[in-house]
Amino acid sequence: MSKLVKIKTQQTTASVEDFINRVENEQQRADSFTIIEMMKSISGEEESKHFITSYY
């Protein structure tokens, strides 16, 4: 019998930038913002999409 899988990544109204700004490690924060800029450049999108992943 197969199991139904719940998708863990869901769209939300939470701010990606607010989430990253709560990261304590300064280098990880800087890297995250660099990755966001790279993704915006590649995708042509100007806004960060709002997604949240639950880990339980």
C-alpha atoms as a PDB file:
ATOM      1  CA  MET A   1       0.000   0.000   0.000  1.00  0.00           C
ATOM      2  CA  SER A   2       1.411   3.430  -0.885  1.00  0.00           C
ATOM      3  CA  LYS A   3       1.664   6.333   1.551  1.00  0.00           C
ATOM      4  CA  LEU A   4       0.525   9.857   0.812  1.00  0.00           C
ATOM      5  CA  VAL A   5       3.397  12.278   1.112  1.00  0.00           C
ATOM      6  CA  LYS A   6       2.838  15.732   2.531  1.00  0.00           C
ATOM      7  CA  ILE A   7       4.831  18.417   0.716  1.00  0.00           C
ATOM      8  CA  LYS A   8       6.914  20.214   3.328  1.00  0.00           C
ATOM      9  CA  THR A   9       7.639  23.427   1.413  1.00  0.00           C
ATOM     10  CA  GLN A  10       4.645  25.748   1.406  1.00  0.00           C
ATOM     11  CA  GLN A  11       4.220  29.319   0.210  1.00  0.00           C
ATOM     12  CA  THR A  12       3.812  31.849   3.005  1.00  0.00           C
ATOM     13  CA  THR A  13       3.733  35.606   3.553  1.00  0.00           C
ATOM     14  CA  ALA A  14       6.821  35.488   5.804  1.00  0.00           C
ATOM     15  CA  SER A  15       9.687  37.733   4.731  1.00  0.00           C
ATOM     16  CA  VAL A  16      12.739  35.913   3.398  1.00  0.00           C
ATOM     17  CA  GLU A  17      14.924  38.874   4.349  1.00  0.00           C
ATOM     18  CA  ASP A  18      13.561  38.906   7.929  1.00  0.00           C
ATOM     19  CA  PHE A  19      14.291  35.188   8.220  1.00  0.00           C
ATOM     20  CA  ILE A  20      17.864  35.610   6.980  1.00  0.00           C
ATOM     21  CA  ASN A  21      18.450  38.610   9.242  1.00  0.00           C
ATOM     22  CA  ARG A  22      17.731  36.326  12.242  1.00  0.00           C
ATOM     23  CA  VAL A  23      20.679  34.073  11.313  1.00  0.00           C
ATOM     24  CA  GLU A  24      23.340  34.687  13.954  1.00  0.00           C
ATOM     25  CA  ASN A  25      26.402  33.890  11.830  1.00  0.00           C
ATOM     26  CA  GLU A  26      27.387  37.016   9.879  1.00  0.00           C
ATOM     27  CA  GLN A  27      29.071  35.062   7.059  1.00  0.00           C
ATOM     28  CA  GLN A  28      26.035  32.811   6.586  1.00  0.00           C
ATOM     29  CA  ARG A  29      23.808  35.912   6.420  1.00  0.00           C
ATOM     30  CA  ALA A  30      26.051  37.536   3.813  1.00  0.00           C
ATOM     31  CA  ASP A  31      26.220  34.314   1.790  1.00  0.00           C
ATOM     32  CA  SER A  32      22.436  33.977   1.892  1.00  0.00           C
ATOM     33  CA  PHE A  33      21.903  37.488   0.535  1.00  0.00           C
ATOM     34  CA  THR A  34      24.489  36.817  -2.191  1.00  0.00           C
ATOM     35  CA  ILE A  35      22.604  33.670  -3.215  1.00  0.00           C
ATOM     36  CA  ILE A  36      19.314  35.602  -3.300  1.00  0.00           C
ATOM     37  CA  GLU A  37      20.861  38.180  -5.630  1.00  0.00           C
ATOM     38  CA  MET A  38      22.252  35.422  -7.872  1.00  0.00           C
ATOM     39  CA  MET A  39      18.835  33.727  -8.026  1.00  0.00           C
ATOM     40  CA  LYS A  40      17.124  37.031  -8.855  1.00  0.00           C
ATOM     41  CA  SER A  41      19.645  37.650 -11.646  1.00  0.00           C
ATOM     42  CA  ILE A  42      19.218  34.182 -13.130  1.00  0.00           C
ATOM     43  CA  SER A  43      15.427  34.063 -12.845  1.00  0.00           C
ATOM     44  CA  GLY A  44      14.712  37.663 -13.800  1.00  0.00           C
ATOM     45  CA  GLU A  45      12.503  37.959 -10.710  1.00  0.00           C
ATOM     46  CA  GLU A  46      12.893  41.020  -8.519  1.00  0.00           C
ATOM     47  CA  GLU A  47      11.150  39.694  -5.415  1.00  0.00           C
ATOM     48  CA  SER A  48      12.120  36.806  -3.202  1.00  0.00           C
ATOM     49  CA  LYS A  49       9.407  34.197  -3.111  1.00  0.00           C
ATOM     50  CA  HIS A  50       8.063  33.412   0.310  1.00  0.00           C
ATOM     51  CA  PHE A  51       8.374  29.750   1.189  1.00  0.00           C
ATOM     52  CA  ILE A  52       8.763  27.954   4.456  1.00  0.00           C
ATOM     53  CA  THR A  53       9.880  24.397   5.058  1.00  0.00           C
ATOM     54  CA  SER A  54       8.837  22.445   8.099  1.00  0.00           C
ATOM     55  CA  TYR A  55      11.277  19.870   9.390  1.00  0.00           C
ATOM     56  CA  TYR A  56       9.021  17.600  11.394  1.00  0.00           C
END
